[in-house]
Amino acid sequence: MSAPDSTPETAPSCPRCDSTDTEIITKSPVPDVWVVYGCRVCFYGWRSTEPDYATDSRKYNPQFKINPADIPNFSVLPTIPKLRDE
């Protein structure tokens, strides 16, 4: 029998937009090795094993922070065109 997984059942707040609307995407097959989290607001994803500058909101580079109120004003990326027939 394997050891119980002691990973928290809730995800931490998002380091990029500070939202608490986050989720656990997946966990490592070996308990307590890593967890992948995702933000439902800004779609940022991060692993529990990344350095604190990528996982801690206080240490996340302010140049890359996102204000959730600004997201609706972001421009939409164009679709990728279909391949040409050759």
N, C-alpha and C. Protein backbone atom coordinates (compact mmCIF):
# COMPACT_ATOMS: atom_id res chain seq x y z
N MET A 1 0.85 -1.18 0.00
CA MET A 1 0.00 0.00 0.00
C MET A 1 0.89 1.24 0.00
N SER A 2 0.54 2.23 -0.77
CA SER A 2 1.35 3.46 -0.85
C SER A 2 1.00 4.42 0.27
N ALA A 3 1.93 5.31 0.52
CA ALA A 3 1.72 6.33 1.56
C ALA A 3 0.64 7.30 1.12
N PRO A 4 -0.15 7.84 2.03
CA PRO A 4 -1.19 8.81 1.64
C PRO A 4 -0.58 10.07 1.06
N ASP A 5 -1.27 10.64 0.11
CA ASP A 5 -0.82 11.87 -0.54
C ASP A 5 -1.17 13.04 0.37
N SER A 6 -0.15 13.78 0.85
CA SER A 6 -0.40 14.89 1.78
C SER A 6 -0.47 16.23 1.07
N THR A 7 -0.58 16.23 -0.27
CA THR A 7 -0.71 17.46 -1.02
C THR A 7 -2.02 18.14 -0.63
N PRO A 8 -2.01 19.46 -0.42
CA PRO A 8 -3.25 20.14 -0.08
C PRO A 8 -4.32 19.92 -1.16
N GLU A 9 -5.56 19.86 -0.74
CA GLU A 9 -6.65 19.64 -1.69
C GLU A 9 -7.09 20.91 -2.39
N THR A 10 -6.56 22.05 -1.97
CA THR A 10 -6.87 23.31 -2.63
C THR A 10 -5.58 23.92 -3.17
N ALA A 11 -5.72 24.63 -4.26
CA ALA A 11 -4.55 25.26 -4.89
C ALA A 11 -4.29 26.61 -4.24
N PRO A 12 -3.03 27.03 -4.23
CA PRO A 12 -2.72 28.37 -3.71
C PRO A 12 -3.23 29.45 -4.66
N SER A 13 -3.24 30.69 -4.21
CA SER A 13 -3.67 31.77 -5.09
C SER A 13 -2.67 31.92 -6.24
N CYS A 14 -3.13 32.52 -7.33
CA CYS A 14 -2.32 32.65 -8.54
C CYS A 14 -1.22 33.68 -8.34
N PRO A 15 0.03 33.31 -8.65
CA PRO A 15 1.13 34.27 -8.50
C PRO A 15 1.05 35.42 -9.50
N ARG A 16 0.40 35.20 -10.65
CA ARG A 16 0.38 36.23 -11.69
C ARG A 16 -0.74 37.24 -11.51
N CYS A 17 -1.94 36.78 -11.14
CA CYS A 17 -3.06 37.73 -11.03
C CYS A 17 -3.67 37.80 -9.62
N ASP A 18 -3.12 37.02 -8.69
CA ASP A 18 -3.57 37.00 -7.30
C ASP A 18 -4.99 36.46 -7.11
N SER A 19 -5.55 35.83 -8.12
CA SER A 19 -6.88 35.23 -7.99
C SER A 19 -6.83 34.00 -7.10
N THR A 20 -7.91 33.76 -6.40
CA THR A 20 -8.03 32.52 -5.63
C THR A 20 -8.82 31.48 -6.40
N ASP A 21 -9.21 31.81 -7.63
CA ASP A 21 -9.94 30.87 -8.48
C ASP A 21 -8.93 29.99 -9.22
N THR A 22 -8.29 29.11 -8.46
CA THR A 22 -7.26 28.23 -8.99
C THR A 22 -7.65 26.79 -8.75
N GLU A 23 -6.94 25.88 -9.40
CA GLU A 23 -7.26 24.47 -9.24
C GLU A 23 -6.00 23.62 -9.35
N ILE A 24 -6.10 22.43 -8.81
CA ILE A 24 -5.05 21.45 -9.01
C ILE A 24 -5.35 20.77 -10.34
N ILE A 25 -4.39 20.86 -11.27
CA ILE A 25 -4.57 20.25 -12.59
C ILE A 25 -4.24 18.77 -12.53
N THR A 26 -3.09 18.45 -11.94
CA THR A 26 -2.69 17.05 -11.80
C THR A 26 -1.63 16.94 -10.71
N LYS A 27 -1.44 15.72 -10.26
CA LYS A 27 -0.41 15.42 -9.25
C LYS A 27 0.51 14.34 -9.81
N SER A 28 1.71 14.30 -9.27
CA SER A 28 2.66 13.28 -9.71
C SER A 28 2.14 11.89 -9.38
N PRO A 29 2.52 10.91 -10.21
CA PRO A 29 2.10 9.54 -9.92
C PRO A 29 2.69 9.02 -8.60
N VAL A 30 3.83 9.56 -8.21
CA VAL A 30 4.44 9.22 -6.93
C VAL A 30 3.96 10.29 -5.94
N PRO A 31 3.31 9.91 -4.87
CA PRO A 31 2.76 10.90 -3.94
C PRO A 31 3.79 11.89 -3.42
N ASP A 32 3.36 13.14 -3.30
CA ASP A 32 4.14 14.22 -2.69
C ASP A 32 5.40 14.62 -3.45
N VAL A 33 5.47 14.39 -4.76
CA VAL A 33 6.64 14.79 -5.53
C VAL A 33 6.40 16.14 -6.19
N TRP A 34 5.29 16.33 -6.89
CA TRP A 34 4.96 17.60 -7.51
C TRP A 34 3.46 17.69 -7.77
N VAL A 35 3.01 18.92 -7.95
CA VAL A 35 1.61 19.22 -8.28
C VAL A 35 1.63 20.29 -9.35
N VAL A 36 0.71 20.21 -10.31
CA VAL A 36 0.56 21.27 -11.30
C VAL A 36 -0.74 22.02 -10.97
N TYR A 37 -0.61 23.34 -10.83
CA TYR A 37 -1.74 24.20 -10.53
C TYR A 37 -2.09 25.04 -11.75
N GLY A 38 -3.33 25.49 -11.82
CA GLY A 38 -3.74 26.37 -12.90
C GLY A 38 -4.70 27.43 -12.40
N CYS A 39 -4.64 28.59 -13.03
CA CYS A 39 -5.53 29.70 -12.68
C CYS A 39 -6.67 29.75 -13.69
N ARG A 40 -7.89 29.80 -13.20
CA ARG A 40 -9.06 29.86 -14.08
C ARG A 40 -9.31 31.28 -14.60
N VAL A 41 -8.61 32.27 -14.06
CA VAL A 41 -8.82 33.66 -14.46
C VAL A 41 -7.86 34.06 -15.56
N CYS A 42 -6.55 33.89 -15.33
CA CYS A 42 -5.55 34.35 -16.32
C CYS A 42 -4.88 33.19 -17.05
N PHE A 43 -5.26 31.96 -16.69
CA PHE A 43 -4.76 30.74 -17.35
C PHE A 43 -3.27 30.49 -17.11
N TYR A 44 -2.71 31.08 -16.08
CA TYR A 44 -1.33 30.79 -15.71
C TYR A 44 -1.27 29.40 -15.11
N GLY A 45 -0.23 28.66 -15.42
CA GLY A 45 -0.02 27.34 -14.84
C GLY A 45 1.36 27.27 -14.23
N TRP A 46 1.49 26.57 -13.11
CA TRP A 46 2.78 26.45 -12.46
C TRP A 46 2.87 25.13 -11.70
N ARG A 47 4.11 24.66 -11.53
CA ARG A 47 4.38 23.43 -10.78
C ARG A 47 4.80 23.79 -9.36
N SER A 48 4.50 22.93 -8.45
CA SER A 48 4.89 23.15 -7.05
C SER A 48 6.40 23.12 -6.87
N THR A 49 7.12 22.57 -7.82
CA THR A 49 8.58 22.45 -7.71
C THR A 49 9.32 23.63 -8.32
N GLU A 50 8.61 24.61 -8.87
CA GLU A 50 9.27 25.77 -9.47
C GLU A 50 9.80 26.70 -8.39
N PRO A 51 10.79 27.54 -8.74
CA PRO A 51 11.33 28.49 -7.75
C PRO A 51 10.26 29.48 -7.28
N ASP A 52 10.48 30.06 -6.12
CA ASP A 52 9.48 30.96 -5.54
C ASP A 52 9.20 32.19 -6.39
N TYR A 53 10.12 32.62 -7.25
CA TYR A 53 9.82 33.78 -8.09
C TYR A 53 8.74 33.46 -9.13
N ALA A 54 8.41 32.19 -9.32
CA ALA A 54 7.35 31.80 -10.25
C ALA A 54 6.10 31.31 -9.51
N THR A 55 6.20 31.10 -8.21
CA THR A 55 5.08 30.54 -7.46
C THR A 55 4.56 31.43 -6.33
N ASP A 56 5.36 32.40 -5.92
CA ASP A 56 5.00 33.27 -4.80
C ASP A 56 4.61 34.64 -5.34
N SER A 57 3.40 35.04 -5.10
CA SER A 57 2.88 36.30 -5.62
C SER A 57 3.74 37.50 -5.22
N ARG A 58 4.29 37.46 -4.03
CA ARG A 58 5.12 38.58 -3.54
C ARG A 58 6.45 38.68 -4.27
N LYS A 59 6.92 37.56 -4.82
CA LYS A 59 8.21 37.53 -5.50
C LYS A 59 8.08 37.45 -7.02
N TYR A 60 6.84 37.33 -7.51
CA TYR A 60 6.60 37.26 -8.95
C TYR A 60 6.95 38.62 -9.58
N ASN A 61 7.63 38.59 -10.71
CA ASN A 61 8.07 39.82 -11.36
C ASN A 61 6.88 40.75 -11.64
N PRO A 62 6.86 41.96 -11.07
CA PRO A 62 5.72 42.87 -11.26
C PRO A 62 5.46 43.24 -12.72
N GLN A 63 6.48 43.17 -13.57
CA GLN A 63 6.29 43.48 -14.99
C GLN A 63 5.36 42.47 -15.67
N PHE A 64 5.24 41.28 -15.09
CA PHE A 64 4.43 40.23 -15.70
C PHE A 64 3.12 39.97 -14.96
N LYS A 65 2.84 40.78 -13.94
CA LYS A 65 1.58 40.64 -13.22
C LYS A 65 0.43 41.08 -14.12
N ILE A 66 -0.73 40.48 -13.90
CA ILE A 66 -1.92 40.80 -14.68
C ILE A 66 -3.03 41.22 -13.72
N ASN A 67 -3.70 42.31 -14.06
CA ASN A 67 -4.88 42.73 -13.31
C ASN A 67 -6.08 42.04 -13.96
N PRO A 68 -6.82 41.21 -13.22
CA PRO A 68 -7.95 40.50 -13.82
C PRO A 68 -8.98 41.42 -14.48
N ALA A 69 -9.09 42.66 -14.00
CA ALA A 69 -10.03 43.61 -14.60
C ALA A 69 -9.62 44.00 -16.02
N ASP A 70 -8.33 43.86 -16.34
CA ASP A 70 -7.83 44.22 -17.67
C ASP A 70 -8.01 43.10 -18.71
N ILE A 71 -8.25 41.89 -18.27
CA ILE A 71 -8.31 40.75 -19.20
C ILE A 71 -9.34 40.93 -20.31
N PRO A 72 -10.54 41.43 -20.03
CA PRO A 72 -11.50 41.59 -21.14
C PRO A 72 -11.02 42.57 -22.22
N ASN A 73 -10.06 43.43 -21.90
CA ASN A 73 -9.56 44.42 -22.86
C ASN A 73 -8.36 43.92 -23.66
N PHE A 74 -7.87 42.73 -23.34
CA PHE A 74 -6.73 42.19 -24.09
C PHE A 74 -7.15 41.91 -25.52
N SER A 75 -6.22 42.11 -26.44
CA SER A 75 -6.54 41.83 -27.84
C SER A 75 -6.60 40.32 -28.06
N VAL A 76 -7.40 39.93 -29.02
CA VAL A 76 -7.56 38.52 -29.36
C VAL A 76 -6.53 38.17 -30.41
N LEU A 77 -5.83 37.08 -30.19
CA LEU A 77 -4.85 36.65 -31.17
C LEU A 77 -5.55 36.11 -32.41
N PRO A 78 -5.01 36.38 -33.58
CA PRO A 78 -5.64 35.86 -34.79
C PRO A 78 -5.51 34.34 -34.86
N THR A 79 -6.43 33.72 -35.56
CA THR A 79 -6.36 32.28 -35.74
C THR A 79 -5.23 31.93 -36.68
N ILE A 80 -4.76 30.73 -36.58
CA ILE A 80 -3.71 30.25 -37.48
C ILE A 80 -4.38 29.86 -38.80
N PRO A 81 -3.90 30.40 -39.92
CA PRO A 81 -4.56 30.08 -41.20
C PRO A 81 -4.36 28.61 -41.56
N LYS A 82 -5.25 28.11 -42.38
CA LYS A 82 -5.14 26.74 -42.86
C LYS A 82 -3.92 26.62 -43.77
N LEU A 83 -3.36 25.44 -43.82
CA LEU A 83 -2.22 25.19 -44.69
C LEU A 83 -2.65 25.29 -46.16
N ARG A 84 -1.74 25.78 -46.98
CA ARG A 84 -2.04 25.87 -48.42
C ARG A 84 -1.94 24.50 -49.04
N ASP A 85 -2.75 24.26 -50.01
CA ASP A 85 -2.61 23.03 -50.80
C ASP A 85 -1.44 23.21 -51.75
N GLU A 86 -0.58 22.23 -51.78
CA GLU A 86 0.58 22.36 -52.68
C GLU A 86 0.57 21.24 -53.69
